[in-house]
Protein backbone atom coordinates (compact mmCIF):
# COMPACT_ATOMS: atom_id res chain seq x y z
CA MET A 1 -7.81 3.90 -16.77
CA LYS A 2 -9.36 3.47 -13.32
CA SER A 3 -7.50 1.87 -10.45
CA PHE A 4 -7.98 1.56 -6.71
CA HIS A 5 -5.27 -0.03 -4.61
CA LEU A 6 -6.33 -0.82 -1.06
CA ALA A 7 -3.22 -1.69 0.95
CA GLY A 8 -3.64 -3.69 4.15
CA ILE A 9 -1.38 -2.68 7.05
CA ILE A 10 -0.75 -5.05 9.98
CA PRO A 11 1.35 -3.40 12.72
CA VAL A 12 3.43 -5.85 14.75
CA ALA A 13 6.51 -3.83 15.75
CA GLY A 14 6.08 -1.40 18.62
CA GLN A 15 3.50 -3.35 20.58
CA LYS A 16 4.17 -3.63 24.31
CA SER A 17 2.52 -6.35 26.42
CA ASP A 18 3.22 -8.55 29.43
CA PHE A 19 3.31 -12.00 27.81
CA ASN A 20 7.12 -12.30 27.96
CA LEU A 21 7.25 -15.47 25.86
CA PRO A 22 10.05 -16.72 23.56
CA TRP A 23 7.92 -15.95 20.48
CA HIS A 24 6.36 -12.64 19.52
CA ASP A 25 3.10 -11.70 21.20
CA THR A 26 1.20 -11.63 17.89
CA MET A 27 1.91 -15.38 17.61
CA MET A 28 -0.39 -16.11 20.53
CA PRO A 29 -3.04 -18.67 19.52
CA ILE A 30 -6.65 -17.47 19.42
CA ALA A 31 -7.93 -20.90 18.28
CA PRO A 32 -6.30 -24.26 17.53
CA ASP A 33 -3.50 -23.70 14.99
CA TYR A 34 -4.65 -20.12 14.45
CA PHE A 35 -2.60 -17.14 15.58
CA ALA A 36 -3.52 -13.52 16.19
CA VAL A 37 -1.42 -12.21 13.31
CA GLU A 38 -3.00 -14.75 10.96
CA ARG A 39 -6.44 -13.44 11.89
CA SER A 40 -5.32 -9.97 10.80
CA VAL A 41 -4.19 -11.37 7.45
CA VAL A 42 -7.60 -12.99 7.01
CA GLU A 43 -9.30 -9.71 7.96
CA CYS A 44 -7.36 -7.82 5.30
CA ALA A 45 -8.33 -10.46 2.74
CA TYR A 46 -12.02 -10.17 3.58
CA ALA A 47 -11.75 -6.36 3.53
CA GLY A 48 -10.64 -6.49 -0.11
CA CYS A 49 -6.98 -5.49 0.21
CA GLU A 50 -4.92 -5.91 -2.95
CA THR A 51 -1.68 -6.13 -0.96
CA ILE A 52 -0.87 -6.80 2.71
CA TRP A 53 2.09 -5.22 4.53
CA ILE A 54 3.13 -6.73 7.87
CA VAL A 55 5.32 -4.29 9.80
CA CYS A 56 7.70 -6.45 11.85
CA ASN A 57 11.40 -6.35 12.59
CA ASP A 58 13.97 -8.85 11.41
CA ASP A 59 14.09 -10.74 14.71
CA VAL A 60 10.47 -11.91 14.46
CA GLN A 61 9.94 -11.85 10.70
CA PRO A 62 11.22 -15.39 9.96
CA LEU A 63 8.77 -17.11 12.32
CA ILE A 64 5.79 -15.03 11.15
CA ARG A 65 6.64 -15.65 7.51
CA TYR A 66 7.08 -19.37 8.24
CA LYS A 67 3.42 -19.52 9.28
CA ILE A 68 1.93 -17.14 6.70
CA GLY A 69 4.09 -17.33 3.58
CA ASP A 70 4.10 -15.03 0.57
CA TYR A 71 0.39 -14.67 -0.11
CA VAL A 72 -3.15 -15.44 0.97
CA LYS A 73 -6.05 -16.21 -1.33
CA ASP A 74 -8.99 -13.84 -1.67
CA PRO A 75 -12.03 -15.59 -0.11
CA ILE A 76 -14.54 -13.81 -2.32
CA TRP A 77 -13.36 -15.73 -5.38
CA PHE A 78 -13.87 -19.27 -4.06
CA ASN A 79 -17.60 -19.52 -4.80
CA ARG A 80 -17.23 -17.72 -8.11
CA SER A 81 -14.46 -19.97 -9.35
CA GLN A 82 -16.60 -23.10 -9.51
CA TYR A 83 -18.48 -21.63 -12.47
CA GLY A 84 -15.37 -20.68 -14.44
CA THR A 85 -13.65 -22.59 -17.20
CA TYR A 86 -10.32 -22.52 -15.37
CA PRO A 87 -11.15 -22.22 -11.65
CA LYS A 88 -7.53 -22.28 -10.52
CA ASN A 89 -6.63 -19.26 -12.63
CA GLU A 90 -9.58 -17.21 -11.43
CA ILE A 91 -8.76 -17.26 -7.70
CA LYS A 92 -7.01 -14.04 -6.72
CA GLU A 93 -3.77 -14.16 -4.75
CA ILE A 94 -3.05 -11.30 -2.33
CA PRO A 95 0.73 -10.80 -1.91
CA ILE A 96 2.13 -10.29 1.58
CA PHE A 97 5.18 -8.12 2.25
CA TYR A 98 7.24 -7.92 5.44
CA VAL A 99 8.47 -4.46 6.42
CA PRO A 100 11.06 -3.82 9.17
CA ILE A 101 11.04 -0.51 11.03
CA HIS A 102 13.90 1.74 9.93
CA PRO A 103 16.86 1.42 12.36
CA LYS A 104 16.85 5.16 13.07
CA ASP A 105 13.31 4.89 14.49
CA ARG A 106 13.83 1.86 16.72
CA GLY A 107 13.70 2.72 20.39
CA ARG A 108 12.83 6.31 19.51
CA ARG A 109 9.37 6.51 17.98
CA ASP A 110 8.59 2.89 17.11
CA CYS A 111 5.22 2.72 18.85
CA LEU A 112 2.32 0.77 17.36
CA SER A 113 0.95 3.94 15.74
CA TRP A 114 4.26 4.58 14.01
CA SER A 115 4.25 1.01 12.67
CA VAL A 116 0.94 1.78 10.98
CA LEU A 117 2.28 4.96 9.38
CA TYR A 118 5.63 3.47 8.41
CA GLY A 119 3.88 0.52 6.78
CA ALA A 120 1.73 2.91 4.75
CA LEU A 121 4.77 4.97 3.76
CA THR A 122 6.65 1.88 2.60
CA ALA A 123 3.66 0.55 0.67
CA TYR A 124 3.30 3.92 -1.08
CA HIS A 125 6.95 4.29 -2.10
CA ILE A 126 7.45 0.72 -3.30
CA SER A 127 4.17 0.65 -5.25
CA GLN A 128 4.91 4.04 -6.82
CA GLN A 129 8.29 2.87 -8.03
CA ILE A 130 6.62 -0.01 -9.89
CA SER A 131 3.86 2.08 -11.49
CA LYS A 132 1.87 5.21 -10.76
CA TRP A 133 -1.27 3.09 -11.16
CA LEU A 134 -0.24 0.91 -8.22
CA LYS A 135 -0.03 3.72 -5.65
CA PRO A 136 -2.39 2.93 -2.76
CA LYS A 137 -5.48 5.11 -2.72
CA ARG A 138 -6.39 4.00 0.79
CA TYR A 139 -5.00 1.89 3.62
CA TYR A 140 -6.85 -0.62 5.77
CA VAL A 141 -5.37 -1.30 9.23
CA SER A 142 -5.90 -4.55 11.11
CA PHE A 143 -4.52 -4.97 14.64
CA PRO A 144 -3.54 -8.50 15.75
CA PHE A 145 -4.56 -7.70 19.34
CA GLY A 146 -8.18 -7.00 18.43
CA ILE A 147 -10.31 -10.15 18.04
CA TYR A 148 -13.63 -9.97 16.19
CA PRO A 149 -15.19 -11.87 13.24
CA PRO A 150 -13.34 -10.79 10.06
CA GLU A 151 -15.65 -12.57 7.64
CA ASN A 152 -18.38 -9.98 8.24
CA LEU A 153 -16.28 -7.40 6.38
CA ARG A 154 -16.96 -9.16 3.09
CA LYS A 155 -20.29 -7.38 2.60
CA HIS A 156 -18.67 -4.01 3.30
CA ARG A 157 -15.89 -4.23 0.71
CA THR A 158 -17.45 -1.53 -1.44
CA GLN A 159 -17.51 0.95 1.44
CA ILE A 160 -13.99 0.03 2.51
CA SER A 161 -12.58 0.60 -0.99
CA SER A 162 -14.23 3.97 -1.43
CA THR A 163 -13.22 7.59 -1.03
CA SER A 164 -14.83 7.75 2.43
CA ASP A 165 -13.18 6.66 5.65
CA PHE A 166 -14.33 3.37 7.16
CA TYR A 167 -14.20 2.54 10.87
CA LEU A 168 -15.09 -0.56 12.83
CA SER A 169 -16.86 0.15 16.09
CA PHE A 170 -17.89 -1.74 19.20
CA GLN A 171 -20.12 -0.19 21.85
CA ASP A 172 -19.55 3.21 20.20
CA LYS A 173 -15.78 2.92 20.53
CA THR A 174 -13.27 2.93 17.67
CA VAL A 175 -9.53 3.27 17.20
CA LYS A 176 -10.04 6.91 18.25
CA ASP A 177 -10.64 5.57 21.75
CA GLY A 178 -7.55 3.37 21.64
CA GLU A 179 -9.33 0.14 20.70
CA TYR A 180 -7.80 -2.39 18.31
CA LEU A 181 -10.52 -2.03 15.70
CA GLY A 182 -9.86 -1.84 11.97
CA PHE A 183 -10.12 1.40 10.02
CA THR A 184 -9.06 3.03 6.76
CA PHE A 185 -7.20 6.22 6.04
CA ASN A 186 -5.86 8.06 3.00
CA GLU A 187 -2.88 10.27 2.22
CA GLU A 188 -4.38 13.36 3.87
CA ASN A 189 -5.12 11.41 7.05
CA TYR A 190 -1.58 10.05 6.96
CA LYS A 191 -0.10 13.55 6.99
CA ALA A 192 -2.24 14.55 9.98
CA PHE A 193 -1.36 11.40 11.92
CA LYS A 194 2.34 11.80 11.17
CA ARG A 195 2.19 15.41 12.33
CA ALA A 196 0.70 14.24 15.60
CA ILE A 197 3.74 12.03 16.19
CA ARG A 198 6.26 14.63 15.10
CA GLU A 199 4.73 17.51 17.05
CA GLY A 200 3.30 15.50 19.90
CA THR A 201 6.29 16.43 22.03
CA GLY A 202 6.06 20.16 21.19
CA ALA A 203 9.51 21.41 20.29
CA HIS A 204 11.25 18.18 21.26
CA ILE A 205 13.25 17.23 18.21
CA ALA A 206 15.84 14.45 18.31
CA GLY A 207 16.02 14.69 22.08
CA GLN A 208 16.69 18.44 22.04
CA ARG A 209 14.76 21.69 22.34
CA PHE A 210 15.35 25.40 22.03
CA GLU A 211 14.86 27.56 25.07
CA ASN A 212 14.70 31.34 24.93
CA GLY A 213 16.69 31.41 21.71
CA ARG A 214 19.82 30.13 23.43
CA GLY A 215 20.13 27.06 21.30
CA PRO A 216 19.33 23.40 21.93
CA GLN A 217 19.18 22.15 25.49
CA ARG A 218 19.43 18.48 26.30
CA LEU A 219 16.30 17.00 27.81
CA PRO A 220 16.35 14.62 30.75
CA ILE A 221 16.83 11.09 29.47
CA GLU A 222 13.29 10.07 30.49
CA GLU A 223 11.77 12.79 28.30
CA ARG A 224 13.64 12.05 25.09
CA TRP A 225 11.91 10.23 22.26
CA SER A 226 8.60 10.17 24.10
CA GLN A 227 6.89 9.19 20.81
CA ARG A 228 7.78 5.56 21.52
CA ASN A 229 5.22 5.62 24.33
CA PHE A 230 2.37 7.07 22.26
CA THR A 231 -0.88 5.11 22.38
CA LEU A 232 -3.31 4.62 19.52
CA LYS A 233 -5.52 7.29 21.06
CA ASP A 234 -2.65 9.78 21.13
CA VAL A 235 -2.27 9.61 17.36
CA PHE A 236 -5.54 8.40 15.84
CA GLY A 237 -7.71 10.20 18.37
CA LEU A 238 -7.64 13.31 16.20
CA ALA A 239 -9.47 11.56 13.35
CA ASN A 240 -12.84 13.00 12.38
CA ILE A 241 -15.31 10.14 11.91
CA ASN A 242 -18.50 12.18 11.66
CA GLU A 243 -18.81 11.61 7.91
CA SER A 244 -17.22 8.16 7.87
CA ASN A 245 -18.81 4.78 7.21
CA ILE A 246 -19.02 2.98 10.54
CA TYR A 247 -19.73 -0.71 11.03
CA GLU A 248 -20.58 -2.06 14.49
CA VAL A 249 -19.00 -5.49 14.97
CA ASP A 250 -21.00 -8.21 16.70
CA TRP A 251 -18.36 -8.79 19.39
CA TYR A 252 -14.82 -7.70 20.16
CA TYR A 253 -12.02 -8.60 22.58
CA ASN A 254 -8.82 -6.77 23.40
CA VAL A 255 -6.02 -9.31 24.02
CA ASP A 256 -2.99 -7.07 24.56
CA SER A 257 -2.33 -8.43 28.06
CA TRP A 258 -2.36 -11.82 29.75
CA GLU A 259 -5.42 -10.95 31.83
CA LYS A 260 -7.43 -9.84 28.78
CA TYR A 261 -6.18 -12.83 26.80
CA CYS A 262 -7.45 -15.24 29.48
CA TYR A 263 -10.77 -13.40 29.53
CA TYR A 264 -11.11 -13.93 25.77
CA LEU A 265 -10.26 -17.64 26.01
CA GLY A 266 -12.96 -18.07 28.65
CA SER A 267 -15.61 -16.33 26.56
CA GLU A 268 -18.32 -18.02 24.53
CA GLN A 269 -17.16 -16.23 21.37
CA SER A 270 -13.72 -17.86 21.51
CA THR A 271 -15.36 -21.18 20.56
CA LEU A 272 -16.65 -19.53 17.37
CA VAL A 273 -13.18 -18.65 16.11
CA LYS A 274 -11.84 -21.23 13.67
CA ARG A 275 -8.85 -21.35 11.41
CA PRO A 276 -9.87 -20.78 7.77
CA ALA A 277 -9.55 -23.65 5.32
CA SER A 278 -6.11 -24.30 3.89
CA THR A 279 -7.42 -23.36 0.45
CA MET A 280 -7.38 -19.77 1.72
CA LEU A 281 -4.77 -19.58 4.48
CA ALA A 282 -1.69 -21.81 4.34
CA TYR A 283 2.02 -21.39 3.94
CA ARG A 284 2.72 -20.77 0.27
CA GLU A 285 5.55 -19.21 -1.68
CA PHE A 286 5.43 -17.61 -5.08
CA ASN A 287 7.05 -19.67 -7.81
CA GLU A 288 10.53 -18.76 -8.89
CA ILE A 289 10.71 -17.17 -12.33
CA GLY A 290 10.19 -19.84 -14.96
CA VAL A 291 9.28 -22.53 -12.42
CA ASP A 292 5.86 -24.16 -12.08
CA ASN A 293 5.34 -26.03 -8.81
CA GLY A 294 2.12 -27.61 -10.05
CA GLU A 295 0.03 -26.55 -7.04
CA ASP A 296 -3.64 -27.48 -7.26
CA VAL A 297 -6.46 -25.49 -5.67
């Protein structure tokens, strides 16, 4: 039996910005009735993800789930379905799961990079418990604060769901340079990235260190848990992309601050961004067991 589970990871927790609004920053609109986190869901769908894992804490999860729901429909099946005998049954549904950061990590190492790794870890453990055939072989990461056309990934699905790493690039910059551009990684990459977070503070472990064999010495408060301030470049900058598949996106905007967000809204490309049709992206819930809600496609 052959299986390949591509798990989509959308990191929400751990992002720091200057919006200071009542709702979470990933709920900023990038087009009419179209939010940044929804664009990431659409990107994962076009990339060919079989599952999508949104890493967000309990305080923001209800609002995000209210807009997105339990699943999104795979866009590649819409044109195919019109030739089938039962079109409704042939459209693939991609389930969406909401993952809160573990309480022991909050305020300690819950940076955006850790959200990526924790989402992958959760996807692995939960899928493995269901079946060994469901274990993710690779993870695709989409950042809500990176805006670029997700539909172009459709023609690269084969490369994304392969044994080689896949990186999006813009002007020769990738996530290695701290940009919010999608990429894939596997279990070996995960171990290297996690090691970068664990050992990034040298011998700093749980706010302590050993000095001259005299036992643990307390660090100054400002030096403890420095992982929470790690940038994407600090963790993913060690990735080797020399033998990876790289796709140069047509345009890209970083919207992790109010100034950059305004710059995006004033750009010509912002007028090209549209919310996908409701047949693909709309609030939907899975039926309860034994209940048919009679939804039509």
